[in-house]
């Protein structure tokens, strides 16, 4: 079995797509209320009648080559970015930072140098 991707159901797909376009530095493939980011294996979709849950129990995790450069870029590009944990070395060895998307989903960016 292989993960095909993740689709976030939302009540505001254009807003969430614009956010992830900035984060992922990838333009989405848009079809109506469905926005796909094939390079990130991510989609956001409003099928109608979605209520965004307040309690979340998952997070998206992506590798980046330079965590501090990515952190500075996102802080400049998204002034309202809700950082929940600044860049730091985790007890398990990962160098990462965590933030929330506009729907309150946690995103974790983890540094992985080329060749690692």
PDB file of N, CA and C in Angstrom:
ATOM      1  N   UNK A   1       0.838  -1.169   0.000  1.00  0.00           N
ATOM      2  CA  UNK A   1       0.000   0.000   0.000  1.00  0.00           C
ATOM      3  C   UNK A   1       0.890   1.240   0.000  1.00  0.00           C
ATOM      4  N   UNK A   2       0.478   2.255  -0.754  1.00  0.00           N
ATOM      5  CA  UNK A   2       1.244   3.489  -0.839  1.00  0.00           C
ATOM      6  C   UNK A   2       0.297   4.673  -0.709  1.00  0.00           C
ATOM      7  N   UNK A   3       0.689   5.659   0.063  1.00  0.00           N
ATOM      8  CA  UNK A   3      -0.117   6.861   0.226  1.00  0.00           C
ATOM      9  C   UNK A   3      -0.203   7.604  -1.104  1.00  0.00           C
ATOM     10  N   UNK A   4      -1.401   7.901  -1.532  1.00  0.00           N
ATOM     11  CA  UNK A   4      -1.628   8.638  -2.776  1.00  0.00           C
ATOM     12  C   UNK A   4      -1.523  10.136  -2.542  1.00  0.00           C
ATOM     13  N   UNK A   5      -1.921  10.581  -1.382  1.00  0.00           N
ATOM     14  CA  UNK A   5      -1.889  11.994  -1.057  1.00  0.00           C
ATOM     15  C   UNK A   5      -2.850  12.297   0.067  1.00  0.00           C
ATOM     16  N   UNK A   6      -2.968  13.575   0.380  1.00  0.00           N
ATOM     17  CA  UNK A   6      -3.851  14.052   1.433  1.00  0.00           C
ATOM     18  C   UNK A   6      -4.759  15.109   0.832  1.00  0.00           C
ATOM     19  N   UNK A   7      -6.042  15.033   1.151  1.00  0.00           N
ATOM     20  CA  UNK A   7      -7.000  16.054   0.723  1.00  0.00           C
ATOM     21  C   UNK A   7      -7.616  16.670   1.969  1.00  0.00           C
ATOM     22  N   UNK A   8      -7.467  17.976   2.118  1.00  0.00           N
ATOM     23  CA  UNK A   8      -8.053  18.688   3.242  1.00  0.00           C
ATOM     24  C   UNK A   8      -9.410  19.225   2.788  1.00  0.00           C
ATOM     25  N   UNK A   9     -10.464  18.800   3.458  1.00  0.00           N
ATOM     26  CA  UNK A   9     -11.800  19.323   3.181  1.00  0.00           C
ATOM     27  C   UNK A   9     -11.958  20.618   3.966  1.00  0.00           C
ATOM     28  N   UNK A  10     -12.462  21.640   3.295  1.00  0.00           N
ATOM     29  CA  UNK A  10     -12.509  22.973   3.883  1.00  0.00           C
ATOM     30  C   UNK A  10     -13.759  23.704   3.428  1.00  0.00           C
ATOM     31  N   UNK A  11     -14.119  24.740   4.150  1.00  0.00           N
ATOM     32  CA  UNK A  11     -15.241  25.573   3.728  1.00  0.00           C
ATOM     33  C   UNK A  11     -14.779  26.773   2.903  1.00  0.00           C
ATOM     34  N   UNK A  12     -13.459  26.907   2.705  1.00  0.00           N
ATOM     35  CA  UNK A  12     -12.919  28.022   1.917  1.00  0.00           C
ATOM     36  C   UNK A  12     -11.691  27.545   1.141  1.00  0.00           C
ATOM     37  N   UNK A  13     -11.925  26.836   0.062  1.00  0.00           N
ATOM     38  CA  UNK A  13     -10.828  26.263  -0.720  1.00  0.00           C
ATOM     39  C   UNK A  13      -9.907  27.312  -1.337  1.00  0.00           C
ATOM     40  N   UNK A  14     -10.426  28.417  -1.898  1.00  0.00           N
ATOM     41  CA  UNK A  14      -9.503  29.406  -2.475  1.00  0.00           C
ATOM     42  C   UNK A  14      -8.522  29.979  -1.442  1.00  0.00           C
ATOM     43  N   UNK A  15      -9.012  30.261  -0.236  1.00  0.00           N
ATOM     44  CA  UNK A  15      -8.137  30.807   0.825  1.00  0.00           C
ATOM     45  C   UNK A  15      -7.056  29.800   1.206  1.00  0.00           C
ATOM     46  N   UNK A  16      -7.450  28.556   1.408  1.00  0.00           N
ATOM     47  CA  UNK A  16      -6.498  27.532   1.809  1.00  0.00           C
ATOM     48  C   UNK A  16      -5.513  27.239   0.674  1.00  0.00           C
ATOM     49  N   UNK A  17      -5.992  27.247  -0.567  1.00  0.00           N
ATOM     50  CA  UNK A  17      -5.111  27.021  -1.720  1.00  0.00           C
ATOM     51  C   UNK A  17      -4.075  28.135  -1.839  1.00  0.00           C
ATOM     52  N   UNK A  18      -4.484  29.381  -1.621  1.00  0.00           N
ATOM     53  CA  UNK A  18      -3.539  30.503  -1.690  1.00  0.00           C
ATOM     54  C   UNK A  18      -2.472  30.367  -0.604  1.00  0.00           C
ATOM     55  N   UNK A  19      -2.867  29.946   0.588  1.00  0.00           N
ATOM     56  CA  UNK A  19      -1.928  29.734   1.683  1.00  0.00           C
ATOM     57  C   UNK A  19      -0.906  28.664   1.302  1.00  0.00           C
ATOM     58  N   UNK A  20      -1.382  27.514   0.839  1.00  0.00           N
ATOM     59  CA  UNK A  20      -0.457  26.429   0.502  1.00  0.00           C
ATOM     60  C   UNK A  20       0.370  26.737  -0.744  1.00  0.00           C
ATOM     61  N   UNK A  21      -0.135  27.566  -1.634  1.00  0.00           N
ATOM     62  CA  UNK A  21       0.677  27.989  -2.781  1.00  0.00           C
ATOM     63  C   UNK A  21       1.913  28.737  -2.295  1.00  0.00           C
ATOM     64  N   UNK A  22       1.743  29.591  -1.291  1.00  0.00           N
ATOM     65  CA  UNK A  22       2.870  30.319  -0.711  1.00  0.00           C
ATOM     66  C   UNK A  22       3.801  29.375   0.048  1.00  0.00           C
ATOM     67  N   UNK A  23       3.237  28.509   0.876  1.00  0.00           N
ATOM     68  CA  UNK A  23       4.053  27.599   1.686  1.00  0.00           C
ATOM     69  C   UNK A  23       4.848  26.647   0.802  1.00  0.00           C
ATOM     70  N   UNK A  24       4.166  26.029  -0.163  1.00  0.00           N
ATOM     71  CA  UNK A  24       4.786  24.977  -0.976  1.00  0.00           C
ATOM     72  C   UNK A  24       5.560  25.503  -2.176  1.00  0.00           C
ATOM     73  N   UNK A  25       5.377  26.780  -2.490  1.00  0.00           N
ATOM     74  CA  UNK A  25       5.977  27.377  -3.686  1.00  0.00           C
ATOM     75  C   UNK A  25       5.613  26.552  -4.926  1.00  0.00           C
ATOM     76  N   UNK A  26       4.326  26.220  -5.009  1.00  0.00           N
ATOM     77  CA  UNK A  26       3.794  25.434  -6.121  1.00  0.00           C
ATOM     78  C   UNK A  26       2.406  25.974  -6.457  1.00  0.00           C
ATOM     79  N   UNK A  27       2.156  26.246  -7.733  1.00  0.00           N
ATOM     80  CA  UNK A  27       0.830  26.674  -8.148  1.00  0.00           C
ATOM     81  C   UNK A  27      -0.096  25.465  -8.215  1.00  0.00           C
ATOM     82  N   UNK A  28      -1.320  25.629  -7.710  1.00  0.00           N
ATOM     83  CA  UNK A  28      -2.232  24.490  -7.721  1.00  0.00           C
ATOM     84  C   UNK A  28      -2.861  24.274  -9.091  1.00  0.00           C
ATOM     85  N   UNK A  29      -3.281  23.046  -9.325  1.00  0.00           N
ATOM     86  CA  UNK A  29      -4.113  22.713 -10.473  1.00  0.00           C
ATOM     87  C   UNK A  29      -5.542  22.835  -9.973  1.00  0.00           C
ATOM     88  N   UNK A  30      -6.274  23.819 -10.507  1.00  0.00           N
ATOM     89  CA  UNK A  30      -7.609  24.109  -9.993  1.00  0.00           C
ATOM     90  C   UNK A  30      -8.682  23.585 -10.936  1.00  0.00           C
ATOM     91  N   UNK A  31      -9.655  22.926 -10.325  1.00  0.00           N
ATOM     92  CA  UNK A  31     -10.847  22.469 -11.028  1.00  0.00           C
ATOM     93  C   UNK A  31     -12.033  22.751 -10.117  1.00  0.00           C
ATOM     94  N   UNK A  32     -12.737  23.852 -10.376  1.00  0.00           N
ATOM     95  CA  UNK A  32     -13.838  24.251  -9.509  1.00  0.00           C
ATOM     96  C   UNK A  32     -13.326  24.546  -8.121  1.00  0.00           C
ATOM     97  N   UNK A  33     -13.862  23.839  -7.135  1.00  0.00           N
ATOM     98  CA  UNK A  33     -13.473  24.037  -5.732  1.00  0.00           C
ATOM     99  C   UNK A  33     -12.401  23.044  -5.275  1.00  0.00           C
ATOM    100  N   UNK A  34     -11.735  22.395  -6.232  1.00  0.00           N
ATOM    101  CA  UNK A  34     -10.664  21.439  -5.929  1.00  0.00           C
ATOM    102  C   UNK A  34      -9.344  22.024  -6.419  1.00  0.00           C
ATOM    103  N   UNK A  35      -8.365  22.099  -5.511  1.00  0.00           N
ATOM    104  CA  UNK A  35      -7.040  22.639  -5.831  1.00  0.00           C
ATOM    105  C   UNK A  35      -6.012  21.567  -5.492  1.00  0.00           C
ATOM    106  N   UNK A  36      -5.315  21.084  -6.507  1.00  0.00           N
ATOM    107  CA  UNK A  36      -4.334  20.039  -6.299  1.00  0.00           C
ATOM    108  C   UNK A  36      -2.914  20.555  -6.389  1.00  0.00           C
ATOM    109  N   UNK A  37      -2.069  20.065  -5.508  1.00  0.00           N
ATOM    110  CA  UNK A  37      -0.637  20.361  -5.489  1.00  0.00           C
ATOM    111  C   UNK A  37       0.088  19.036  -5.675  1.00  0.00           C
ATOM    112  N   UNK A  38       0.228  18.572  -6.932  1.00  0.00           N
ATOM    113  CA  UNK A  38       0.758  17.233  -7.158  1.00  0.00           C
ATOM    114  C   UNK A  38       2.169  17.020  -6.623  1.00  0.00           C
ATOM    115  N   UNK A  39       3.009  18.036  -6.652  1.00  0.00           N
ATOM    116  CA  UNK A  39       4.367  17.881  -6.138  1.00  0.00           C
ATOM    117  C   UNK A  39       4.414  17.651  -4.644  1.00  0.00           C
ATOM    118  N   UNK A  40       3.388  18.084  -3.940  1.00  0.00           N
ATOM    119  CA  UNK A  40       3.327  17.942  -2.480  1.00  0.00           C
ATOM    120  C   UNK A  40       2.344  16.848  -2.053  1.00  0.00           C
ATOM    121  N   UNK A  41       1.734  16.179  -3.021  1.00  0.00           N
ATOM    122  CA  UNK A  41       0.728  15.154  -2.733  1.00  0.00           C
ATOM    123  C   UNK A  41      -0.366  15.700  -1.824  1.00  0.00           C
ATOM    124  N   UNK A  42      -0.827  16.919  -2.139  1.00  0.00           N
ATOM    125  CA  UNK A  42      -1.818  17.598  -1.318  1.00  0.00           C
ATOM    126  C   UNK A  42      -2.909  18.173  -2.201  1.00  0.00           C
ATOM    127  N   UNK A  43      -4.125  18.140  -1.705  1.00  0.00           N
ATOM    128  CA  UNK A  43      -5.251  18.809  -2.358  1.00  0.00           C
ATOM    129  C   UNK A  43      -6.086  19.476  -1.278  1.00  0.00           C
ATOM    130  N   UNK A  44      -6.744  20.555  -1.650  1.00  0.00           N
ATOM    131  CA  UNK A  44      -7.753  21.171  -0.789  1.00  0.00           C
ATOM    132  C   UNK A  44      -9.040  21.216  -1.602  1.00  0.00           C
ATOM    133  N   UNK A  45     -10.160  20.959  -0.928  1.00  0.00           N
ATOM    134  CA  UNK A  45     -11.413  20.799  -1.644  1.00  0.00           C
ATOM    135  C   UNK A  45     -12.578  21.234  -0.773  1.00  0.00           C
ATOM    136  N   UNK A  46     -13.518  21.935  -1.404  1.00  0.00           N
ATOM    137  CA  UNK A  46     -14.770  22.286  -0.755  1.00  0.00           C
ATOM    138  C   UNK A  46     -15.895  21.579  -1.507  1.00  0.00           C
ATOM    139  N   UNK A  47     -16.346  20.438  -0.979  1.00  0.00           N
ATOM    140  CA  UNK A  47     -17.440  19.735  -1.630  1.00  0.00           C
ATOM    141  C   UNK A  47     -18.801  20.334  -1.300  1.00  0.00           C
ATOM    142  N   UNK A  48     -18.804  21.345  -0.434  1.00  0.00           N
ATOM    143  CA  UNK A  48     -20.045  21.961   0.020  1.00  0.00           C
ATOM    144  C   UNK A  48     -20.488  21.357   1.341  1.00  0.00           C
ATOM    145  N   UNK A  49     -21.025  22.193   2.198  1.00  0.00           N
ATOM    146  CA  UNK A  49     -21.535  21.710   3.472  1.00  0.00           C
ATOM    147  C   UNK A  49     -20.476  21.282   4.468  1.00  0.00           C
ATOM    148  N   UNK A  50     -19.230  21.723   4.284  1.00  0.00           N
ATOM    149  CA  UNK A  50     -18.151  21.340   5.192  1.00  0.00           C
ATOM    150  C   UNK A  50     -18.159  22.249   6.414  1.00  0.00           C
ATOM    151  N   UNK A  51     -18.043  21.637   7.580  1.00  0.00           N
ATOM    152  CA  UNK A  51     -17.821  22.373   8.814  1.00  0.00           C
ATOM    153  C   UNK A  51     -16.406  22.041   9.263  1.00  0.00           C
ATOM    154  N   UNK A  52     -15.563  23.051   9.337  1.00  0.00           N
ATOM    155  CA  UNK A  52     -14.172  22.839   9.743  1.00  0.00           C
ATOM    156  C   UNK A  52     -14.147  22.543  11.237  1.00  0.00           C
ATOM    157  N   UNK A  53     -13.618  21.388  11.592  1.00  0.00           N
ATOM    158  CA  UNK A  53     -13.568  20.958  12.993  1.00  0.00           C
ATOM    159  C   UNK A  53     -12.551  21.776  13.774  1.00  0.00           C
ATOM    160  N   UNK A  54     -12.884  22.082  15.008  1.00  0.00           N
ATOM    161  CA  UNK A  54     -11.963  22.834  15.869  1.00  0.00           C
ATOM    162  C   UNK A  54     -10.840  21.945  16.387  1.00  0.00           C
ATOM    163  N   UNK A  55     -11.144  20.688  16.667  1.00  0.00           N
ATOM    164  CA  UNK A  55     -10.139  19.764  17.189  1.00  0.00           C
ATOM    165  C   UNK A  55      -9.480  19.012  16.045  1.00  0.00           C
ATOM    166  N   UNK A  56      -8.170  19.066  15.994  1.00  0.00           N
ATOM    167  CA  UNK A  56      -7.397  18.405  14.938  1.00  0.00           C
ATOM    168  C   UNK A  56      -6.613  17.252  15.545  1.00  0.00           C
ATOM    169  N   UNK A  57      -6.408  16.203  14.764  1.00  0.00           N
ATOM    170  CA  UNK A  57      -5.647  15.071  15.290  1.00  0.00           C
ATOM    171  C   UNK A  57      -4.646  14.538  14.276  1.00  0.00           C
ATOM    172  N   UNK A  58      -4.190  15.394  13.390  1.00  0.00           N
ATOM    173  CA  UNK A  58      -3.153  15.018  12.421  1.00  0.00           C
ATOM    174  C   UNK A  58      -2.348  16.259  12.065  1.00  0.00           C
ATOM    175  N   UNK A  59      -1.204  16.037  11.421  1.00  0.00           N
ATOM    176  CA  UNK A  59      -0.434  17.164  10.916  1.00  0.00           C
ATOM    177  C   UNK A  59       0.201  16.763   9.597  1.00  0.00           C
ATOM    178  N   UNK A  60       0.455  17.758   8.772  1.00  0.00           N
ATOM    179  CA  UNK A  60       1.184  17.554   7.525  1.00  0.00           C
ATOM    180  C   UNK A  60       2.655  17.773   7.818  1.00  0.00           C
ATOM    181  N   UNK A  61       3.498  16.917   7.274  1.00  0.00           N
ATOM    182  CA  UNK A  61       4.935  17.013   7.512  1.00  0.00           C
ATOM    183  C   UNK A  61       5.658  17.016   6.161  1.00  0.00           C
ATOM    184  N   UNK A  62       6.511  18.026   5.958  1.00  0.00           N
ATOM    185  CA  UNK A  62       7.273  18.139   4.718  1.00  0.00           C
ATOM    186  C   UNK A  62       8.743  18.375   5.030  1.00  0.00           C
ATOM    187  N   UNK A  63       9.602  17.791   4.213  1.00  0.00           N
ATOM    188  CA  UNK A  63      11.032  18.055   4.301  1.00  0.00           C
ATOM    189  C   UNK A  63      11.369  19.313   3.515  1.00  0.00           C
ATOM    190  N   UNK A  64      12.319  20.093   4.030  1.00  0.00           N
ATOM    191  CA  UNK A  64      12.876  21.246   3.325  1.00  0.00           C
ATOM    192  C   UNK A  64      14.396  21.169   3.428  1.00  0.00           C
ATOM    193  N   UNK A  65      15.077  21.752   2.449  1.00  0.00           N
ATOM    194  CA  UNK A  65      16.545  21.690   2.434  1.00  0.00           C
ATOM    195  C   UNK A  65      17.175  22.638   3.448  1.00  0.00           C
ATOM    196  N   UNK A  66      16.559  23.814   3.652  1.00  0.00           N
ATOM    197  CA  UNK A  66      17.118  24.829   4.549  1.00  0.00           C
ATOM    198  C   UNK A  66      15.988  25.377   5.409  1.00  0.00           C
ATOM    199  N   UNK A  67      15.879  24.887   6.630  1.00  0.00           N
ATOM    200  CA  UNK A  67      14.762  25.245   7.492  1.00  0.00           C
ATOM    201  C   UNK A  67      14.746  26.736   7.823  1.00  0.00           C
ATOM    202  N   UNK A  68      15.870  27.311   8.178  1.00  0.00           N
ATOM    203  CA  UNK A  68      15.898  28.723   8.580  1.00  0.00           C
ATOM    204  C   UNK A  68      15.547  29.634   7.412  1.00  0.00           C
ATOM    205  N   UNK A  69      16.010  29.309   6.210  1.00  0.00           N
ATOM    206  CA  UNK A  69      15.650  30.113   5.033  1.00  0.00           C
ATOM    207  C   UNK A  69      14.146  30.019   4.792  1.00  0.00           C
ATOM    208  N   UNK A  70      13.587  28.822   4.910  1.00  0.00           N
ATOM    209  CA  UNK A  70      12.151  28.633   4.710  1.00  0.00           C
ATOM    210  C   UNK A  70      11.360  29.359   5.788  1.00  0.00           C
ATOM    211  N   UNK A  71      11.813  29.295   7.017  1.00  0.00           N
ATOM    212  CA  UNK A  71      11.155  29.995   8.122  1.00  0.00           C
ATOM    213  C   UNK A  71      11.126  31.507   7.859  1.00  0.00           C
ATOM    214  N   UNK A  72      12.265  32.075   7.483  1.00  0.00           N
ATOM    215  CA  UNK A  72      12.325  33.521   7.203  1.00  0.00           C
ATOM    216  C   UNK A  72      11.422  33.881   6.021  1.00  0.00           C
ATOM    217  N   UNK A  73      11.428  33.059   4.979  1.00  0.00           N
ATOM    218  CA  UNK A  73      10.591  33.334   3.794  1.00  0.00           C
ATOM    219  C   UNK A  73       9.114  33.339   4.166  1.00  0.00           C
ATOM    220  N   UNK A  74       8.678  32.356   4.937  1.00  0.00           N
ATOM    221  CA  UNK A  74       7.264  32.281   5.302  1.00  0.00           C
ATOM    222  C   UNK A  74       6.860  33.388   6.261  1.00  0.00           C
ATOM    223  N   UNK A  75       7.725  33.740   7.195  1.00  0.00           N
ATOM    224  CA  UNK A  75       7.407  34.852   8.106  1.00  0.00           C
ATOM    225  C   UNK A  75       7.244  36.163   7.341  1.00  0.00           C
ATOM    226  N   UNK A  76       8.054  36.360   6.292  1.00  0.00           N
ATOM    227  CA  UNK A  76       7.952  37.582   5.484  1.00  0.00           C
ATOM    228  C   UNK A  76       6.726  37.540   4.567  1.00  0.00           C
ATOM    229  N   UNK A  77       6.462  36.393   3.960  1.00  0.00           N
ATOM    230  CA  UNK A  77       5.375  36.275   2.991  1.00  0.00           C
ATOM    231  C   UNK A  77       4.002  36.158   3.648  1.00  0.00           C
ATOM    232  N   UNK A  78       3.964  35.611   4.860  1.00  0.00           N
ATOM    233  CA  UNK A  78       2.703  35.389   5.577  1.00  0.00           C
ATOM    234  C   UNK A  78       2.798  36.018   6.965  1.00  0.00           C
ATOM    235  N   UNK A  79       2.643  37.355   7.051  1.00  0.00           N
ATOM    236  CA  UNK A  79       2.827  38.039   8.336  1.00  0.00           C
ATOM    237  C   UNK A  79       1.945  37.501   9.467  1.00  0.00           C
ATOM    238  N   UNK A  80       0.805  36.925   9.127  1.00  0.00           N
ATOM    239  CA  UNK A  80      -0.099  36.389  10.150  1.00  0.00           C
ATOM    240  C   UNK A  80       0.130  34.901  10.414  1.00  0.00           C
ATOM    241  N   UNK A  81       1.232  34.359   9.936  1.00  0.00           N
ATOM    242  CA  UNK A  81       1.528  32.945  10.132  1.00  0.00           C
ATOM    243  C   UNK A  81       1.507  32.618  11.626  1.00  0.00           C
ATOM    244  N   UNK A  82       0.723  31.614  11.996  1.00  0.00           N
ATOM    245  CA  UNK A  82       0.586  31.219  13.406  1.00  0.00           C
ATOM    246  C   UNK A  82       1.585  30.101  13.703  1.00  0.00           C
ATOM    247  N   UNK A  83       2.775  30.514  14.138  1.00  0.00           N
ATOM    248  CA  UNK A  83       3.829  29.564  14.492  1.00  0.00           C
ATOM    249  C   UNK A  83       3.519  29.011  15.880  1.00  0.00           C
ATOM    250  N   UNK A  84       3.435  27.687  15.975  1.00  0.00           N
ATOM    251  CA  UNK A  84       3.151  27.054  17.267  1.00  0.00           C
ATOM    252  C   UNK A  84       4.413  26.544  17.944  1.00  0.00           C
ATOM    253  N   UNK A  85       5.474  26.372  17.175  1.00  0.00           N
ATOM    254  CA  UNK A  85       6.762  25.973  17.738  1.00  0.00           C
ATOM    255  C   UNK A  85       7.854  26.485  16.802  1.00  0.00           C
ATOM    256  N   UNK A  86       8.687  27.407  17.245  1.00  0.00           N
ATOM    257  CA  UNK A  86       9.724  27.965  16.377  1.00  0.00           C
ATOM    258  C   UNK A  86      10.780  26.917  16.024  1.00  0.00           C
ATOM    259  N   UNK A  87      11.654  27.246  15.085  1.00  0.00           N
ATOM    260  CA  UNK A  87      12.697  26.288  14.701  1.00  0.00           C
ATOM    261  C   UNK A  87      13.517  25.851  15.907  1.00  0.00           C
ATOM    262  N   UNK A  88      13.629  24.544  16.047  1.00  0.00           N
ATOM    263  CA  UNK A  88      14.430  23.987  17.128  1.00  0.00           C
ATOM    264  C   UNK A  88      14.747  22.526  16.843  1.00  0.00           C
ATOM    265  N   UNK A  89      15.778  22.053  17.511  1.00  0.00           N
ATOM    266  CA  UNK A  89      16.159  20.646  17.429  1.00  0.00           C
ATOM    267  C   UNK A  89      15.274  19.877  18.404  1.00  0.00           C
ATOM    268  N   UNK A  90      14.565  18.883  17.899  1.00  0.00           N
ATOM    269  CA  UNK A  90      13.649  18.076  18.726  1.00  0.00           C
ATOM    270  C   UNK A  90      14.432  16.993  19.467  1.00  0.00           C
ATOM    271  N   UNK A  91      13.872  16.461  20.554  1.00  0.00           N
ATOM    272  CA  UNK A  91      14.561  15.399  21.306  1.00  0.00           C
ATOM    273  C   UNK A  91      14.906  14.185  20.445  1.00  0.00           C
ATOM    274  N   UNK A  92      14.144  13.937  19.385  1.00  0.00           N
ATOM    275  CA  UNK A  92      14.396  12.788  18.506  1.00  0.00           C
ATOM    276  C   UNK A  92      15.351  13.125  17.370  1.00  0.00           C
ATOM    277  N   UNK A  93      15.897  14.370  17.375  1.00  0.00           N
ATOM    278  CA  UNK A  93      16.935  14.750  16.429  1.00  0.00           C
ATOM    279  C   UNK A  93      16.491  15.617  15.271  1.00  0.00           C
ATOM    280  N   UNK A  94      15.202  15.700  15.010  1.00  0.00           N
ATOM    281  CA  UNK A  94      14.708  16.507  13.879  1.00  0.00           C
ATOM    282  C   UNK A  94      14.888  17.997  14.172  1.00  0.00           C
ATOM    283  N   UNK A  95      15.267  18.763  13.149  1.00  0.00           N
ATOM    284  CA  UNK A  95      15.307  20.229  13.223  1.00  0.00           C
ATOM    285  C   UNK A  95      14.088  20.704  12.461  1.00  0.00           C
ATOM    286  N   UNK A  96      13.102  21.284  13.184  1.00  0.00           N
ATOM    287  CA  UNK A  96      11.823  21.587  12.559  1.00  0.00           C
ATOM    288  C   UNK A  96      11.156  22.799  13.188  1.00  0.00           C
ATOM    289  N   UNK A  97      10.106  23.290  12.496  1.00  0.00           N
ATOM    290  CA  UNK A  97       9.190  24.236  13.119  1.00  0.00           C
ATOM    291  C   UNK A  97       7.780  23.875  12.696  1.00  0.00           C
ATOM    292  N   UNK A  98       6.827  24.300  13.535  1.00  0.00           N
ATOM    293  CA  UNK A  98       5.435  23.938  13.345  1.00  0.00           C
ATOM    294  C   UNK A  98       4.596  25.206  13.265  1.00  0.00           C
ATOM    295  N   UNK A  99       3.576  25.165  12.405  1.00  0.00           N
ATOM    296  CA  UNK A  99       2.663  26.296  12.274  1.00  0.00           C
ATOM    297  C   UNK A  99       1.287  25.788  11.883  1.00  0.00           C
ATOM    298  N   UNK A 100       0.298  26.681  11.942  1.00  0.00           N
ATOM    299  CA  UNK A 100      -1.079  26.335  11.615  1.00  0.00           C
ATOM    300  C   UNK A 100      -1.472  26.945  10.284  1.00  0.00           C
ATOM    301  N   UNK A 101      -2.247  26.186   9.491  1.00  0.00           N
ATOM    302  CA  UNK A 101      -2.816  26.763   8.275  1.00  0.00           C
ATOM    303  C   UNK A 101      -4.071  27.543   8.670  1.00  0.00           C
ATOM    304  N   UNK A 102      -4.720  28.248   7.732  1.00  0.00           N
ATOM    305  CA  UNK A 102      -5.888  29.056   8.093  1.00  0.00           C
ATOM    306  C   UNK A 102      -7.048  28.267   8.707  1.00  0.00           C
ATOM    307  N   UNK A 103      -7.121  26.953   8.461  1.00  0.00           N
ATOM    308  CA  UNK A 103      -8.168  26.130   9.070  1.00  0.00           C
ATOM    309  C   UNK A 103      -7.737  25.530  10.408  1.00  0.00           C
ATOM    310  N   UNK A 104      -6.509  25.796  10.839  1.00  0.00           N
ATOM    311  CA  UNK A 104      -6.029  25.296  12.116  1.00  0.00           C
ATOM    312  C   UNK A 104      -5.317  23.956  12.050  1.00  0.00           C
ATOM    313  N   UNK A 105      -5.033  23.466  10.837  1.00  0.00           N
ATOM    314  CA  UNK A 105      -4.271  22.220  10.691  1.00  0.00           C
ATOM    315  C   UNK A 105      -2.794  22.502  10.945  1.00  0.00           C
ATOM    316  N   UNK A 106      -2.133  21.609  11.653  1.00  0.00           N
ATOM    317  CA  UNK A 106      -0.711  21.767  11.937  1.00  0.00           C
ATOM    318  C   UNK A 106       0.122  21.317  10.750  1.00  0.00           C
ATOM    319  N   UNK A 107       1.118  22.138  10.416  1.00  0.00           N
ATOM    320  CA  UNK A 107       2.088  21.814   9.381  1.00  0.00           C
ATOM    321  C   UNK A 107       3.458  21.821  10.037  1.00  0.00           C
ATOM    322  N   UNK A 108       4.245  20.786   9.791  1.00  0.00           N
ATOM    323  CA  UNK A 108       5.588  20.673  10.331  1.00  0.00           C
ATOM    324  C   UNK A 108       6.576  20.643   9.168  1.00  0.00           C
ATOM    325  N   UNK A 109       7.533  21.547   9.187  1.00  0.00           N
ATOM    326  CA  UNK A 109       8.588  21.549   8.191  1.00  0.00           C
ATOM    327  C   UNK A 109       9.860  21.063   8.865  1.00  0.00           C
ATOM    328  N   UNK A 110      10.494  20.094   8.245  1.00  0.00           N
ATOM    329  CA  UNK A 110      11.643  19.398   8.824  1.00  0.00           C
ATOM    330  C   UNK A 110      12.828  19.520   7.879  1.00  0.00           C
ATOM    331  N   UNK A 111      13.962  19.929   8.410  1.00  0.00           N
ATOM    332  CA  UNK A 111      15.146  20.079   7.560  1.00  0.00           C
ATOM    333  C   UNK A 111      15.740  18.719   7.210  1.00  0.00           C
ATOM    334  N   UNK A 112      15.978  18.549   5.927  1.00  0.00           N
ATOM    335  CA  UNK A 112      16.706  17.379   5.423  1.00  0.00           C
ATOM    336  C   UNK A 112      17.630  17.891   4.331  1.00  0.00           C
ATOM    337  N   UNK A 113      18.913  17.924   4.645  1.00  0.00           N
ATOM    338  CA  UNK A 113      19.914  18.420   3.703  1.00  0.00           C
ATOM    339  C   UNK A 113      20.003  17.481   2.502  1.00  0.00           C
ATOM    340  N   UNK A 114      20.286  18.031   1.321  1.00  0.00           N
ATOM    341  CA  UNK A 114      20.480  17.152   0.153  1.00  0.00           C
ATOM    342  C   UNK A 114      21.537  16.084   0.448  1.00  0.00           C
ATOM    343  N   UNK A 115      21.226  14.858   0.094  1.00  0.00           N
ATOM    344  CA  UNK A 115      22.122  13.749   0.350  1.00  0.00           C
ATOM    345  C   UNK A 115      21.824  12.997   1.634  1.00  0.00           C
ATOM    346  N   UNK A 116      20.985  13.592   2.496  1.00  0.00           N
ATOM    347  CA  UNK A 116      20.607  12.900   3.754  1.00  0.00           C
ATOM    348  C   UNK A 116      19.616  11.797   3.482  1.00  0.00           C
TER     349      UNK A 116
END
